[in-house]
Amino acid sequence: MDMTTETIEKIQELSLEAAGEKIQIVDGQNYYIDGDGDLCLIVPKDLSDESIGLRTLTGLIALVKKYG
């Protein structure tokens, strides 16, 4: 396989890109760059639907220690 100067420069450019930042912000949305160089939207997990029942302060302390 014959590698041209252009091909070598492209490989170098891609390797420099890969070493750079992996998170990009576009229009207020966070994206990460995957292994193929594509932008993928980061969708935060919505925890608002998960409820936790606590009856004591000890239960709250245990919860904070577990997820804190």
PDB file of N, CA and C in Angstrom:
ATOM      1  N   MET A   1       0.852  -1.182   0.000  1.00  0.00           N
ATOM      2  CA  MET A   1       0.000   0.000   0.000  1.00  0.00           C
ATOM      3  C   MET A   1       0.889   1.234   0.000  1.00  0.00           C
ATOM      4  N   ASP A   2       0.628   2.135  -0.912  1.00  0.00           N
ATOM      5  CA  ASP A   2       1.416   3.354  -1.048  1.00  0.00           C
ATOM      6  C   ASP A   2       0.710   4.493  -0.327  1.00  0.00           C
ATOM      7  N   MET A   3       1.368   5.020   0.726  1.00  0.00           N
ATOM      8  CA  MET A   3       0.768   6.115   1.487  1.00  0.00           C
ATOM      9  C   MET A   3       1.293   7.443   0.948  1.00  0.00           C
ATOM     10  N   THR A   4       0.370   8.280   0.518  1.00  0.00           N
ATOM     11  CA  THR A   4       0.753   9.586   0.015  1.00  0.00           C
ATOM     12  C   THR A   4       0.963  10.542   1.178  1.00  0.00           C
ATOM     13  N   THR A   5       1.573  11.657   0.890  1.00  0.00           N
ATOM     14  CA  THR A   5       1.780  12.686   1.905  1.00  0.00           C
ATOM     15  C   THR A   5       0.448  13.157   2.455  1.00  0.00           C
ATOM     16  N   GLU A   6      -0.540  13.269   1.601  1.00  0.00           N
ATOM     17  CA  GLU A   6      -1.872  13.699   2.025  1.00  0.00           C
ATOM     18  C   GLU A   6      -2.481  12.706   3.018  1.00  0.00           C
ATOM     19  N   THR A   7      -2.335  11.423   2.764  1.00  0.00           N
ATOM     20  CA  THR A   7      -2.855  10.393   3.661  1.00  0.00           C
ATOM     21  C   THR A   7      -2.155  10.449   5.012  1.00  0.00           C
ATOM     22  N   ILE A   8      -0.843  10.611   4.995  1.00  0.00           N
ATOM     23  CA  ILE A   8      -0.079  10.693   6.234  1.00  0.00           C
ATOM     24  C   ILE A   8      -0.490  11.922   7.039  1.00  0.00           C
ATOM     25  N   GLU A   9      -0.691  13.049   6.364  1.00  0.00           N
ATOM     26  CA  GLU A   9      -1.124  14.272   7.044  1.00  0.00           C
ATOM     27  C   GLU A   9      -2.516  14.091   7.653  1.00  0.00           C
ATOM     28  N   LYS A  10      -3.406  13.397   6.948  1.00  0.00           N
ATOM     29  CA  LYS A  10      -4.750  13.149   7.463  1.00  0.00           C
ATOM     30  C   LYS A  10      -4.685  12.268   8.709  1.00  0.00           C
ATOM     31  N   ILE A  11      -3.858  11.245   8.697  1.00  0.00           N
ATOM     32  CA  ILE A  11      -3.691  10.375   9.860  1.00  0.00           C
ATOM     33  C   ILE A  11      -3.147  11.172  11.034  1.00  0.00           C
ATOM     34  N   GLN A  12      -2.200  12.038  10.771  1.00  0.00           N
ATOM     35  CA  GLN A  12      -1.639  12.867  11.833  1.00  0.00           C
ATOM     36  C   GLN A  12      -2.707  13.805  12.396  1.00  0.00           C
ATOM     37  N   GLU A  13      -3.503  14.404  11.537  1.00  0.00           N
ATOM     38  CA  GLU A  13      -4.572  15.300  11.968  1.00  0.00           C
ATOM     39  C   GLU A  13      -5.588  14.563  12.840  1.00  0.00           C
ATOM     40  N   LEU A  14      -5.972  13.366  12.433  1.00  0.00           N
ATOM     41  CA  LEU A  14      -6.931  12.580  13.201  1.00  0.00           C
ATOM     42  C   LEU A  14      -6.365  12.160  14.557  1.00  0.00           C
ATOM     43  N   SER A  15      -5.086  11.845  14.595  1.00  0.00           N
ATOM     44  CA  SER A  15      -4.485  11.447  15.872  1.00  0.00           C
ATOM     45  C   SER A  15      -4.400  12.632  16.823  1.00  0.00           C
ATOM     46  N   LEU A  16      -4.130  13.823  16.300  1.00  0.00           N
ATOM     47  CA  LEU A  16      -4.108  15.014  17.138  1.00  0.00           C
ATOM     48  C   LEU A  16      -5.512  15.338  17.655  1.00  0.00           C
ATOM     49  N   GLU A  17      -6.518  15.143  16.803  1.00  0.00           N
ATOM     50  CA  GLU A  17      -7.904  15.344  17.209  1.00  0.00           C
ATOM     51  C   GLU A  17      -8.289  14.387  18.326  1.00  0.00           C
ATOM     52  N   ALA A  18      -7.888  13.143  18.184  1.00  0.00           N
ATOM     53  CA  ALA A  18      -8.228  12.120  19.180  1.00  0.00           C
ATOM     54  C   ALA A  18      -7.597  12.430  20.526  1.00  0.00           C
ATOM     55  N   ALA A  19      -6.457  13.067  20.530  1.00  0.00           N
ATOM     56  CA  ALA A  19      -5.782  13.407  21.777  1.00  0.00           C
ATOM     57  C   ALA A  19      -6.380  14.649  22.430  1.00  0.00           C
ATOM     58  N   GLY A  20      -7.193  15.374  21.697  1.00  0.00           N
ATOM     59  CA  GLY A  20      -7.776  16.618  22.211  1.00  0.00           C
ATOM     60  C   GLY A  20      -8.991  16.367  23.079  1.00  0.00           C
ATOM     61  N   GLU A  21      -9.802  17.399  23.247  1.00  0.00           N
ATOM     62  CA  GLU A  21     -10.981  17.317  24.097  1.00  0.00           C
ATOM     63  C   GLU A  21     -11.990  16.333  23.514  1.00  0.00           C
ATOM     64  N   LYS A  22     -12.636  15.604  24.401  1.00  0.00           N
ATOM     65  CA  LYS A  22     -13.619  14.601  23.987  1.00  0.00           C
ATOM     66  C   LYS A  22     -15.048  15.102  24.146  1.00  0.00           C
ATOM     67  N   ILE A  23     -15.233  16.260  24.787  1.00  0.00           N
ATOM     68  CA  ILE A  23     -16.565  16.823  25.000  1.00  0.00           C
ATOM     69  C   ILE A  23     -16.681  18.130  24.214  1.00  0.00           C
ATOM     70  N   GLN A  24     -17.768  18.264  23.488  1.00  0.00           N
ATOM     71  CA  GLN A  24     -18.048  19.483  22.741  1.00  0.00           C
ATOM     72  C   GLN A  24     -19.418  19.997  23.156  1.00  0.00           C
ATOM     73  N   ILE A  25     -19.578  21.308  23.226  1.00  0.00           N
ATOM     74  CA  ILE A  25     -20.870  21.914  23.543  1.00  0.00           C
ATOM     75  C   ILE A  25     -21.372  22.607  22.285  1.00  0.00           C
ATOM     76  N   VAL A  26     -22.526  22.166  21.809  1.00  0.00           N
ATOM     77  CA  VAL A  26     -23.129  22.716  20.595  1.00  0.00           C
ATOM     78  C   VAL A  26     -24.550  23.136  20.941  1.00  0.00           C
ATOM     79  N   ASP A  27     -24.838  24.426  20.789  1.00  0.00           N
ATOM     80  CA  ASP A  27     -26.169  24.981  21.094  1.00  0.00           C
ATOM     81  C   ASP A  27     -26.644  24.591  22.492  1.00  0.00           C
ATOM     82  N   GLY A  28     -25.742  24.620  23.460  1.00  0.00           N
ATOM     83  CA  GLY A  28     -26.100  24.317  24.839  1.00  0.00           C
ATOM     84  C   GLY A  28     -26.235  22.838  25.145  1.00  0.00           C
ATOM     85  N   GLN A  29     -26.035  21.975  24.172  1.00  0.00           N
ATOM     86  CA  GLN A  29     -26.114  20.522  24.361  1.00  0.00           C
ATOM     87  C   GLN A  29     -24.697  19.964  24.460  1.00  0.00           C
ATOM     88  N   ASN A  30     -24.494  18.992  25.357  1.00  0.00           N
ATOM     89  CA  ASN A  30     -23.188  18.356  25.505  1.00  0.00           C
ATOM     90  C   ASN A  30     -23.099  17.123  24.613  1.00  0.00           C
ATOM     91  N   TYR A  31     -22.003  17.034  23.872  1.00  0.00           N
ATOM     92  CA  TYR A  31     -21.748  15.901  22.997  1.00  0.00           C
ATOM     93  C   TYR A  31     -20.363  15.339  23.323  1.00  0.00           C
ATOM     94  N   TYR A  32     -20.184  14.034  23.106  1.00  0.00           N
ATOM     95  CA  TYR A  32     -18.852  13.454  23.206  1.00  0.00           C
ATOM     96  C   TYR A  32     -18.454  12.938  21.837  1.00  0.00           C
ATOM     97  N   ILE A  33     -17.156  12.849  21.619  1.00  0.00           N
ATOM     98  CA  ILE A  33     -16.631  12.361  20.349  1.00  0.00           C
ATOM     99  C   ILE A  33     -16.330  10.887  20.520  1.00  0.00           C
ATOM    100  N   ASP A  34     -16.999  10.045  19.720  1.00  0.00           N
ATOM    101  CA  ASP A  34     -16.778   8.604  19.841  1.00  0.00           C
ATOM    102  C   ASP A  34     -15.519   8.174  19.102  1.00  0.00           C
ATOM    103  N   GLY A  35     -15.245   6.894  19.100  1.00  0.00           N
ATOM    104  CA  GLY A  35     -14.033   6.354  18.482  1.00  0.00           C
ATOM    105  C   GLY A  35     -13.939   6.592  16.986  1.00  0.00           C
ATOM    106  N   ASP A  36     -15.083   6.820  16.335  1.00  0.00           N
ATOM    107  CA  ASP A  36     -15.095   7.088  14.893  1.00  0.00           C
ATOM    108  C   ASP A  36     -15.002   8.574  14.575  1.00  0.00           C
ATOM    109  N   GLY A  37     -14.957   9.406  15.642  1.00  0.00           N
ATOM    110  CA  GLY A  37     -14.891  10.848  15.443  1.00  0.00           C
ATOM    111  C   GLY A  37     -16.247  11.505  15.300  1.00  0.00           C
ATOM    112  N   ASP A  38     -17.329  10.743  15.538  1.00  0.00           N
ATOM    113  CA  ASP A  38     -18.681  11.283  15.427  1.00  0.00           C
ATOM    114  C   ASP A  38     -19.115  11.907  16.749  1.00  0.00           C
ATOM    115  N   LEU A  39     -19.939  12.956  16.660  1.00  0.00           N
ATOM    116  CA  LEU A  39     -20.495  13.565  17.862  1.00  0.00           C
ATOM    117  C   LEU A  39     -21.727  12.780  18.310  1.00  0.00           C
ATOM    118  N   CYS A  40     -21.785  12.462  19.593  1.00  0.00           N
ATOM    119  CA  CYS A  40     -22.921  11.746  20.169  1.00  0.00           C
ATOM    120  C   CYS A  40     -23.469  12.567  21.328  1.00  0.00           C
ATOM    121  N   LEU A  41     -24.766  12.787  21.316  1.00  0.00           N
ATOM    122  CA  LEU A  41     -25.417  13.575  22.350  1.00  0.00           C
ATOM    123  C   LEU A  41     -25.330  12.867  23.695  1.00  0.00           C
ATOM    124  N   ILE A  42     -24.968  13.630  24.726  1.00  0.00           N
ATOM    125  CA  ILE A  42     -24.951  13.098  26.085  1.00  0.00           C
ATOM    126  C   ILE A  42     -26.307  13.411  26.697  1.00  0.00           C
ATOM    127  N   VAL A  43     -27.061  12.364  26.983  1.00  0.00           N
ATOM    128  CA  VAL A  43     -28.390  12.529  27.565  1.00  0.00           C
ATOM    129  C   VAL A  43     -28.295  12.168  29.044  1.00  0.00           C
ATOM    130  N   PRO A  44     -28.492  13.163  29.931  1.00  0.00           N
ATOM    131  CA  PRO A  44     -28.402  12.852  31.359  1.00  0.00           C
ATOM    132  C   PRO A  44     -29.560  11.973  31.797  1.00  0.00           C
ATOM    133  N   LYS A  45     -29.283  11.079  32.721  1.00  0.00           N
ATOM    134  CA  LYS A  45     -30.314  10.205  33.253  1.00  0.00           C
ATOM    135  C   LYS A  45     -31.248  11.036  34.128  1.00  0.00           C
ATOM    136  N   ASP A  46     -32.533  10.916  33.874  1.00  0.00           N
ATOM    137  CA  ASP A  46     -33.526  11.647  34.652  1.00  0.00           C
ATOM    138  C   ASP A  46     -33.856  10.849  35.903  1.00  0.00           C
ATOM    139  N   LEU A  47     -33.428  11.351  37.045  1.00  0.00           N
ATOM    140  CA  LEU A  47     -33.662  10.660  38.308  1.00  0.00           C
ATOM    141  C   LEU A  47     -34.906  11.155  39.024  1.00  0.00           C
ATOM    142  N   SER A  48     -35.612  12.097  38.422  1.00  0.00           N
ATOM    143  CA  SER A  48     -36.759  12.692  39.102  1.00  0.00           C
ATOM    144  C   SER A  48     -37.914  11.712  39.292  1.00  0.00           C
ATOM    145  N   ASP A  49     -37.974  10.655  38.473  1.00  0.00           N
ATOM    146  CA  ASP A  49     -39.063   9.689  38.595  1.00  0.00           C
ATOM    147  C   ASP A  49     -38.809   8.653  39.689  1.00  0.00           C
ATOM    148  N   GLU A  50     -37.583   8.582  40.175  1.00  0.00           N
ATOM    149  CA  GLU A  50     -37.246   7.612  41.201  1.00  0.00           C
ATOM    150  C   GLU A  50     -37.454   8.248  42.582  1.00  0.00           C
ATOM    151  N   SER A  51     -38.316   7.656  43.367  1.00  0.00           N
ATOM    152  CA  SER A  51     -38.557   8.196  44.700  1.00  0.00           C
ATOM    153  C   SER A  51     -37.860   7.334  45.748  1.00  0.00           C
ATOM    154  N   ILE A  52     -37.539   7.963  46.846  1.00  0.00           N
ATOM    155  CA  ILE A  52     -36.865   7.287  47.943  1.00  0.00           C
ATOM    156  C   ILE A  52     -37.650   7.588  49.211  1.00  0.00           C
ATOM    157  N   GLY A  53     -38.013   6.549  49.928  1.00  0.00           N
ATOM    158  CA  GLY A  53     -38.739   6.745  51.177  1.00  0.00           C
ATOM    159  C   GLY A  53     -37.780   6.724  52.363  1.00  0.00           C
ATOM    160  N   LEU A  54     -37.806   7.771  53.151  1.00  0.00           N
ATOM    161  CA  LEU A  54     -36.966   7.864  54.344  1.00  0.00           C
ATOM    162  C   LEU A  54     -37.849   8.109  55.550  1.00  0.00           C
ATOM    163  N   ARG A  55     -37.482   7.479  56.660  1.00  0.00           N
ATOM    164  CA  ARG A  55     -38.273   7.670  57.880  1.00  0.00           C
ATOM    165  C   ARG A  55     -37.455   8.254  59.020  1.00  0.00           C
ATOM    166  N   THR A  56     -36.132   8.133  58.901  1.00  0.00           N
ATOM    167  CA  THR A  56     -35.288   8.606  59.998  1.00  0.00           C
ATOM    168  C   THR A  56     -34.104   9.373  59.453  1.00  0.00           C
ATOM    169  N   LEU A  57     -33.474  10.119  60.324  1.00  0.00           N
ATOM    170  CA  LEU A  57     -32.251  10.822  59.960  1.00  0.00           C
ATOM    171  C   LEU A  57     -31.138   9.821  59.654  1.00  0.00           C
ATOM    172  N   THR A  58     -31.141   8.700  60.346  1.00  0.00           N
ATOM    173  CA  THR A  58     -30.160   7.644  60.092  1.00  0.00           C
ATOM    174  C   THR A  58     -30.301   7.121  58.669  1.00  0.00           C
ATOM    175  N   GLY A  59     -31.530   7.008  58.199  1.00  0.00           N
ATOM    176  CA  GLY A  59     -31.768   6.578  56.818  1.00  0.00           C
ATOM    177  C   GLY A  59     -31.220   7.580  55.820  1.00  0.00           C
ATOM    178  N   LEU A  60     -31.382   8.869  56.106  1.00  0.00           N
ATOM    179  CA  LEU A  60     -30.839   9.915  55.239  1.00  0.00           C
ATOM    180  C   LEU A  60     -29.320   9.855  55.203  1.00  0.00           C
ATOM    181  N   ILE A  61     -28.711   9.661  56.377  1.00  0.00           N
ATOM    182  CA  ILE A  61     -27.238   9.574  56.455  1.00  0.00           C
ATOM    183  C   ILE A  61     -26.742   8.381  55.660  1.00  0.00           C
ATOM    184  N   ALA A  62     -27.428   7.256  55.772  1.00  0.00           N
ATOM    185  CA  ALA A  62     -27.045   6.049  55.021  1.00  0.00           C
ATOM    186  C   ALA A  62     -27.151   6.295  53.514  1.00  0.00           C
ATOM    187  N   LEU A  63     -28.184   7.015  53.109  1.00  0.00           N
ATOM    188  CA  LEU A  63     -28.365   7.329  51.691  1.00  0.00           C
ATOM    189  C   LEU A  63     -27.234   8.219  51.181  1.00  0.00           C
ATOM    190  N   VAL A  64     -26.895   9.244  51.954  1.00  0.00           N
ATOM    191  CA  VAL A  64     -25.816  10.155  51.553  1.00  0.00           C
ATOM    192  C   VAL A  64     -24.487   9.405  51.473  1.00  0.00           C
ATOM    193  N   LYS A  65     -24.254   8.510  52.404  1.00  0.00           N
ATOM    194  CA  LYS A  65     -22.999   7.731  52.375  1.00  0.00           C
ATOM    195  C   LYS A  65     -22.950   6.811  51.171  1.00  0.00           C
ATOM    196  N   LYS A  66     -24.097   6.271  50.800  1.00  0.00           N
ATOM    197  CA  LYS A  66     -24.144   5.343  49.667  1.00  0.00           C
ATOM    198  C   LYS A  66     -23.938   6.060  48.319  1.00  0.00           C
ATOM    199  N   TYR A  67     -24.587   7.191  48.147  1.00  0.00           N
ATOM    200  CA  TYR A  67     -24.534   7.904  46.856  1.00  0.00           C
ATOM    201  C   TYR A  67     -23.710   9.169  46.880  1.00  0.00           C
ATOM    202  N   GLY A  68     -23.235   9.559  48.056  1.00  0.00           N
ATOM    203  CA  GLY A  68     -22.535  10.817  48.246  1.00  0.00           C
ATOM    204  C   GLY A  68     -21.260  10.919  47.581  1.00  0.00           C
TER     205      GLY A  68
END
